[in-house]
Structures are given as C-alpha cells and as structure tokens.
Amino acid sequence: MREKVGLKLVHVAVTHAYAPEEAEQLKEQISSRFNCTELWISEFSPLMGYACGTGTLGLAFYSGD
C-alpha cells in the first residue's frame, strides 16, 4: 500500500469475516501510518465469508488524486 499511495490522501476499507477485533487493530495500524480521508470497517458478504473462511481480513484502498 505504501508503494502505491506514498503520502497522498487515501480512502481505505478494512473488511473481515467474523473478525471484528482484528479488523479494528488493522484499522488502527493504517490510521497511524497513512493520511486517510476515509477509513472504515465492513463485514464480508456471506459469499465472501464462505469462500475465504472465518477470520479473514481484507483491505481495499484508492488514492484521493
């Protein structure tokens, strides 16, 4: 992620499959390391949770430019 956005503003979504505590920890790490315009947590859809398994974390982002 650092290679892609550097110090630019970034919009970030942390996703999880039944792992809210771990998602919150990842959100805090991202918040402290990046210049986030938006940063939120979302649950995987049931299909993604089934395909990836319980405890999976995901990260989606794009630069504000």
PDB file of N, CA and C in Angstrom:
ATOM      1  N   MET A   1       0.833  -1.189   0.000  1.00  0.00           N
ATOM      2  CA  MET A   1       0.000   0.000   0.000  1.00  0.00           C
ATOM      3  C   MET A   1       0.871   1.242   0.000  1.00  0.00           C
ATOM      4  N   ARG A   2       1.954   1.239   0.782  1.00  0.00           N
ATOM      5  CA  ARG A   2       2.852   2.403   0.840  1.00  0.00           C
ATOM      6  C   ARG A   2       3.427   2.686  -0.545  1.00  0.00           C
ATOM      7  N   GLU A   3       3.794   1.651  -1.293  1.00  0.00           N
ATOM      8  CA  GLU A   3       4.339   1.844  -2.638  1.00  0.00           C
ATOM      9  C   GLU A   3       3.325   2.490  -3.573  1.00  0.00           C
ATOM     10  N   LYS A   4       2.071   2.180  -3.395  1.00  0.00           N
ATOM     11  CA  LYS A   4       1.025   2.696  -4.284  1.00  0.00           C
ATOM     12  C   LYS A   4       0.603   4.121  -3.957  1.00  0.00           C
ATOM     13  N   VAL A   5       0.472   4.464  -2.659  1.00  0.00           N
ATOM     14  CA  VAL A   5      -0.078   5.773  -2.308  1.00  0.00           C
ATOM     15  C   VAL A   5       0.934   6.741  -1.703  1.00  0.00           C
ATOM     16  N   GLY A   6       2.033   6.226  -1.167  1.00  0.00           N
ATOM     17  CA  GLY A   6       3.028   7.111  -0.561  1.00  0.00           C
ATOM     18  C   GLY A   6       2.408   7.949   0.539  1.00  0.00           C
ATOM     19  N   LEU A   7       2.533   9.276   0.407  1.00  0.00           N
ATOM     20  CA  LEU A   7       1.996  10.196   1.407  1.00  0.00           C
ATOM     21  C   LEU A   7       0.699  10.874   0.961  1.00  0.00           C
ATOM     22  N   LYS A   8       0.146  10.435  -0.177  1.00  0.00           N
ATOM     23  CA  LYS A   8      -1.099  11.015  -0.685  1.00  0.00           C
ATOM     24  C   LYS A   8      -2.271  10.679   0.228  1.00  0.00           C
ATOM     25  N   LEU A   9      -3.341  11.463   0.073  1.00  0.00           N
ATOM     26  CA  LEU A   9      -4.587  11.129   0.756  1.00  0.00           C
ATOM     27  C   LEU A   9      -5.095   9.794   0.225  1.00  0.00           C
ATOM     28  N   VAL A  10      -5.663   8.991   1.107  1.00  0.00           N
ATOM     29  CA  VAL A  10      -6.117   7.665   0.695  1.00  0.00           C
ATOM     30  C   VAL A  10      -7.463   7.341   1.349  1.00  0.00           C
ATOM     31  N   HIS A  11      -8.284   6.624   0.606  1.00  0.00           N
ATOM     32  CA  HIS A  11      -9.568   6.119   1.081  1.00  0.00           C
ATOM     33  C   HIS A  11      -9.359   4.623   1.320  1.00  0.00           C
ATOM     34  N   VAL A  12      -9.748   4.137   2.491  1.00  0.00           N
ATOM     35  CA  VAL A  12      -9.441   2.755   2.863  1.00  0.00           C
ATOM     36  C   VAL A  12     -10.661   2.065   3.460  1.00  0.00           C
ATOM     37  N   ALA A  13     -10.834   0.803   3.083  1.00  0.00           N
ATOM     38  CA  ALA A  13     -11.846  -0.053   3.693  1.00  0.00           C
ATOM     39  C   ALA A  13     -11.156  -1.319   4.196  1.00  0.00           C
ATOM     40  N   VAL A  14     -11.374  -1.628   5.457  1.00  0.00           N
ATOM     41  CA  VAL A  14     -10.926  -2.886   6.037  1.00  0.00           C
ATOM     42  C   VAL A  14     -12.149  -3.787   6.098  1.00  0.00           C
ATOM     43  N   THR A  15     -12.047  -4.979   5.537  1.00  0.00           N
ATOM     44  CA  THR A  15     -13.163  -5.915   5.546  1.00  0.00           C
ATOM     45  C   THR A  15     -12.777  -7.152   6.343  1.00  0.00           C
ATOM     46  N   HIS A  16     -13.791  -7.838   6.865  1.00  0.00           N
ATOM     47  CA  HIS A  16     -13.488  -9.023   7.675  1.00  0.00           C
ATOM     48  C   HIS A  16     -14.611 -10.042   7.603  1.00  0.00           C
ATOM     49  N   ALA A  17     -14.248 -11.288   7.917  1.00  0.00           N
ATOM     50  CA  ALA A  17     -15.205 -12.381   8.025  1.00  0.00           C
ATOM     51  C   ALA A  17     -15.218 -12.842   9.475  1.00  0.00           C
ATOM     52  N   TYR A  18     -16.133 -12.303  10.253  1.00  0.00           N
ATOM     53  CA  TYR A  18     -16.287 -12.650  11.669  1.00  0.00           C
ATOM     54  C   TYR A  18     -15.000 -12.431  12.462  1.00  0.00           C
ATOM     55  N   ALA A  19     -14.334 -11.303  12.210  1.00  0.00           N
ATOM     56  CA  ALA A  19     -13.100 -10.956  12.933  1.00  0.00           C
ATOM     57  C   ALA A  19     -13.083  -9.464  13.243  1.00  0.00           C
ATOM     58  N   PRO A  20     -14.075  -8.956  13.965  1.00  0.00           N
ATOM     59  CA  PRO A  20     -14.151  -7.510  14.194  1.00  0.00           C
ATOM     60  C   PRO A  20     -12.988  -6.949  15.007  1.00  0.00           C
ATOM     61  N   GLU A  21     -12.489  -7.695  15.978  1.00  0.00           N
ATOM     62  CA  GLU A  21     -11.369  -7.188  16.790  1.00  0.00           C
ATOM     63  C   GLU A  21     -10.107  -7.043  15.944  1.00  0.00           C
ATOM     64  N   GLU A  22      -9.829  -8.042  15.127  1.00  0.00           N
ATOM     65  CA  GLU A  22      -8.651  -7.983  14.255  1.00  0.00           C
ATOM     66  C   GLU A  22      -8.787  -6.868  13.221  1.00  0.00           C
ATOM     67  N   ALA A  23     -10.002  -6.680  12.712  1.00  0.00           N
ATOM     68  CA  ALA A  23     -10.246  -5.599  11.753  1.00  0.00           C
ATOM     69  C   ALA A  23      -9.999  -4.244  12.411  1.00  0.00           C
ATOM     70  N   GLU A  24     -10.415  -4.086  13.638  1.00  0.00           N
ATOM     71  CA  GLU A  24     -10.189  -2.828  14.364  1.00  0.00           C
ATOM     72  C   GLU A  24      -8.698  -2.585  14.578  1.00  0.00           C
ATOM     73  N   GLN A  25      -7.952  -3.632  14.887  1.00  0.00           N
ATOM     74  CA  GLN A  25      -6.499  -3.500  15.056  1.00  0.00           C
ATOM     75  C   GLN A  25      -5.840  -3.055  13.748  1.00  0.00           C
ATOM     76  N   LEU A  26      -6.256  -3.663  12.633  1.00  0.00           N
ATOM     77  CA  LEU A  26      -5.701  -3.275  11.332  1.00  0.00           C
ATOM     78  C   LEU A  26      -6.072  -1.831  11.007  1.00  0.00           C
ATOM     79  N   LYS A  27      -7.294  -1.447  11.304  1.00  0.00           N
ATOM     80  CA  LYS A  27      -7.734  -0.064  11.068  1.00  0.00           C
ATOM     81  C   LYS A  27      -6.856   0.917  11.845  1.00  0.00           C
ATOM     82  N   GLU A  28      -6.557   0.609  13.091  1.00  0.00           N
ATOM     83  CA  GLU A  28      -5.711   1.478  13.910  1.00  0.00           C
ATOM     84  C   GLU A  28      -4.298   1.581  13.338  1.00  0.00           C
ATOM     85  N   GLN A  29      -3.747   0.469  12.851  1.00  0.00           N
ATOM     86  CA  GLN A  29      -2.412   0.487  12.244  1.00  0.00           C
ATOM     87  C   GLN A  29      -2.399   1.363  10.996  1.00  0.00           C
ATOM     88  N   ILE A  30      -3.414   1.215  10.161  1.00  0.00           N
ATOM     89  CA  ILE A  30      -3.500   2.005   8.933  1.00  0.00           C
ATOM     90  C   ILE A  30      -3.649   3.482   9.264  1.00  0.00           C
ATOM     91  N   SER A  31      -4.500   3.785  10.227  1.00  0.00           N
ATOM     92  CA  SER A  31      -4.732   5.168  10.631  1.00  0.00           C
ATOM     93  C   SER A  31      -3.450   5.847  11.097  1.00  0.00           C
ATOM     94  N   SER A  32      -2.599   5.116  11.775  1.00  0.00           N
ATOM     95  CA  SER A  32      -1.365   5.700  12.297  1.00  0.00           C
ATOM     96  C   SER A  32      -0.268   5.822  11.245  1.00  0.00           C
ATOM     97  N   ARG A  33      -0.402   5.134  10.121  1.00  0.00           N
ATOM     98  CA  ARG A  33       0.663   5.107   9.113  1.00  0.00           C
ATOM     99  C   ARG A  33       0.344   5.847   7.818  1.00  0.00           C
ATOM    100  N   PHE A  34      -0.941   6.150   7.601  1.00  0.00           N
ATOM    101  CA  PHE A  34      -1.341   6.755   6.334  1.00  0.00           C
ATOM    102  C   PHE A  34      -2.199   7.989   6.568  1.00  0.00           C
ATOM    103  N   ASN A  35      -2.279   8.826   5.545  1.00  0.00           N
ATOM    104  CA  ASN A  35      -3.077  10.047   5.563  1.00  0.00           C
ATOM    105  C   ASN A  35      -4.459   9.711   4.997  1.00  0.00           C
ATOM    106  N   CYS A  36      -5.348   9.213   5.847  1.00  0.00           N
ATOM    107  CA  CYS A  36      -6.638   8.690   5.405  1.00  0.00           C
ATOM    108  C   CYS A  36      -7.708   9.782   5.348  1.00  0.00           C
ATOM    109  N   THR A  37      -8.342   9.878   4.196  1.00  0.00           N
ATOM    110  CA  THR A  37      -9.512  10.728   4.035  1.00  0.00           C
ATOM    111  C   THR A  37     -10.726  10.005   4.598  1.00  0.00           C
ATOM    112  N   GLU A  38     -10.815   8.728   4.294  1.00  0.00           N
ATOM    113  CA  GLU A  38     -11.863   7.854   4.808  1.00  0.00           C
ATOM    114  C   GLU A  38     -11.203   6.566   5.270  1.00  0.00           C
ATOM    115  N   LEU A  39     -11.727   5.986   6.327  1.00  0.00           N
ATOM    116  CA  LEU A  39     -11.220   4.711   6.824  1.00  0.00           C
ATOM    117  C   LEU A  39     -12.363   4.039   7.573  1.00  0.00           C
ATOM    118  N   TRP A  40     -12.857   2.951   7.022  1.00  0.00           N
ATOM    119  CA  TRP A  40     -13.979   2.297   7.653  1.00  0.00           C
ATOM    120  C   TRP A  40     -13.801   0.786   7.659  1.00  0.00           C
ATOM    121  N   ILE A  41     -14.640   0.141   8.452  1.00  0.00           N
ATOM    122  CA  ILE A  41     -14.649  -1.316   8.569  1.00  0.00           C
ATOM    123  C   ILE A  41     -15.977  -1.829   8.038  1.00  0.00           C
ATOM    124  N   SER A  42     -15.902  -2.933   7.301  1.00  0.00           N
ATOM    125  CA  SER A  42     -17.094  -3.552   6.748  1.00  0.00           C
ATOM    126  C   SER A  42     -16.967  -5.069   6.855  1.00  0.00           C
ATOM    127  N   GLU A  43     -18.084  -5.736   7.004  1.00  0.00           N
ATOM    128  CA  GLU A  43     -18.078  -7.195   7.006  1.00  0.00           C
ATOM    129  C   GLU A  43     -18.102  -7.707   5.571  1.00  0.00           C
ATOM    130  N   PHE A  44     -17.444  -8.840   5.353  1.00  0.00           N
ATOM    131  CA  PHE A  44     -17.550  -9.513   4.056  1.00  0.00           C
ATOM    132  C   PHE A  44     -19.004  -9.902   3.819  1.00  0.00           C
ATOM    133  N   SER A  45     -19.386 -10.029   2.571  1.00  0.00           N
ATOM    134  CA  SER A  45     -20.698 -10.581   2.257  1.00  0.00           C
ATOM    135  C   SER A  45     -20.680 -12.058   2.674  1.00  0.00           C
ATOM    136  N   PRO A  46     -21.845 -12.664   2.866  1.00  0.00           N
ATOM    137  CA  PRO A  46     -21.864 -14.078   3.238  1.00  0.00           C
ATOM    138  C   PRO A  46     -21.095 -14.970   2.248  1.00  0.00           C
ATOM    139  N   LEU A  47     -21.196 -14.677   0.971  1.00  0.00           N
ATOM    140  CA  LEU A  47     -20.491 -15.474  -0.020  1.00  0.00           C
ATOM    141  C   LEU A  47     -18.978 -15.329   0.126  1.00  0.00           C
ATOM    142  N   MET A  48     -18.496 -14.100   0.326  1.00  0.00           N
ATOM    143  CA  MET A  48     -17.054 -13.897   0.519  1.00  0.00           C
ATOM    144  C   MET A  48     -16.586 -14.566   1.810  1.00  0.00           C
ATOM    145  N   GLY A  49     -17.374 -14.478   2.868  1.00  0.00           N
ATOM    146  CA  GLY A  49     -17.028 -15.131   4.119  1.00  0.00           C
ATOM    147  C   GLY A  49     -16.934 -16.634   3.949  1.00  0.00           C
ATOM    148  N   TYR A  50     -17.856 -17.203   3.194  1.00  0.00           N
ATOM    149  CA  TYR A  50     -17.835 -18.645   2.931  1.00  0.00           C
ATOM    150  C   TYR A  50     -16.606 -19.025   2.107  1.00  0.00           C
ATOM    151  N   ALA A  51     -16.317 -18.250   1.067  1.00  0.00           N
ATOM    152  CA  ALA A  51     -15.202 -18.572   0.170  1.00  0.00           C
ATOM    153  C   ALA A  51     -13.847 -18.398   0.844  1.00  0.00           C
ATOM    154  N   CYS A  52     -13.720 -17.398   1.708  1.00  0.00           N
ATOM    155  CA  CYS A  52     -12.425 -17.083   2.326  1.00  0.00           C
ATOM    156  C   CYS A  52     -12.243 -17.729   3.693  1.00  0.00           C
ATOM    157  N   GLY A  53     -13.313 -17.923   4.398  1.00  0.00           N
ATOM    158  CA  GLY A  53     -13.234 -18.535   5.709  1.00  0.00           C
ATOM    159  C   GLY A  53     -13.277 -17.529   6.845  1.00  0.00           C
ATOM    160  N   THR A  54     -13.717 -18.015   7.987  1.00  0.00           N
ATOM    161  CA  THR A  54     -13.811 -17.194   9.182  1.00  0.00           C
ATOM    162  C   THR A  54     -12.433 -16.680   9.580  1.00  0.00           C
ATOM    163  N   GLY A  55     -12.382 -15.413   9.979  1.00  0.00           N
ATOM    164  CA  GLY A  55     -11.132 -14.809  10.431  1.00  0.00           C
ATOM    165  C   GLY A  55     -10.349 -14.092   9.346  1.00  0.00           C
ATOM    166  N   THR A  56     -10.832 -14.136   8.117  1.00  0.00           N
ATOM    167  CA  THR A  56     -10.132 -13.475   7.014  1.00  0.00           C
ATOM    168  C   THR A  56     -10.284 -11.963   7.105  1.00  0.00           C
ATOM    169  N   LEU A  57      -9.192 -11.250   6.824  1.00  0.00           N
ATOM    170  CA  LEU A  57      -9.204  -9.789   6.727  1.00  0.00           C
ATOM    171  C   LEU A  57      -8.933  -9.397   5.290  1.00  0.00           C
ATOM    172  N   GLY A  58      -9.530  -8.300   4.867  1.00  0.00           N
ATOM    173  CA  GLY A  58      -9.277  -7.756   3.542  1.00  0.00           C
ATOM    174  C   GLY A  58      -9.013  -6.268   3.639  1.00  0.00           C
ATOM    175  N   LEU A  59      -8.403  -5.741   2.596  1.00  0.00           N
ATOM    176  CA  LEU A  59      -8.056  -4.315   2.555  1.00  0.00           C
ATOM    177  C   LEU A  59      -8.267  -3.809   1.141  1.00  0.00           C
ATOM    178  N   ALA A  60      -9.018  -2.728   1.016  1.00  0.00           N
ATOM    179  CA  ALA A  60      -9.221  -2.073  -0.273  1.00  0.00           C
ATOM    180  C   ALA A  60      -8.885  -0.598  -0.101  1.00  0.00           C
ATOM    181  N   PHE A  61      -8.244  -0.003  -1.110  1.00  0.00           N
ATOM    182  CA  PHE A  61      -7.865   1.394  -0.989  1.00  0.00           C
ATOM    183  C   PHE A  61      -7.722   2.023  -2.363  1.00  0.00           C
ATOM    184  N   TYR A  62      -7.830   3.350  -2.380  1.00  0.00           N
ATOM    185  CA  TYR A  62      -7.500   4.123  -3.572  1.00  0.00           C
ATOM    186  C   TYR A  62      -7.045   5.507  -3.132  1.00  0.00           C
ATOM    187  N   SER A  63      -6.210   6.093  -3.952  1.00  0.00           N
ATOM    188  CA  SER A  63      -5.667   7.426  -3.667  1.00  0.00           C
ATOM    189  C   SER A  63      -6.717   8.477  -3.939  1.00  0.00           C
ATOM    190  N   GLY A  64      -6.648   9.582  -3.193  1.00  0.00           N
ATOM    191  CA  GLY A  64      -7.580  10.672  -3.368  1.00  0.00           C
ATOM    192  C   GLY A  64      -7.319  11.502  -4.611  1.00  0.00           C
ATOM    193  N   ASP A  65      -6.233  11.244  -5.304  1.00  0.00           N
ATOM    194  CA  ASP A  65      -5.895  12.017  -6.512  1.00  0.00           C
ATOM    195  C   ASP A  65      -6.715  11.581  -7.690  1.00  0.00           C
TER     196      ASP A  65
END
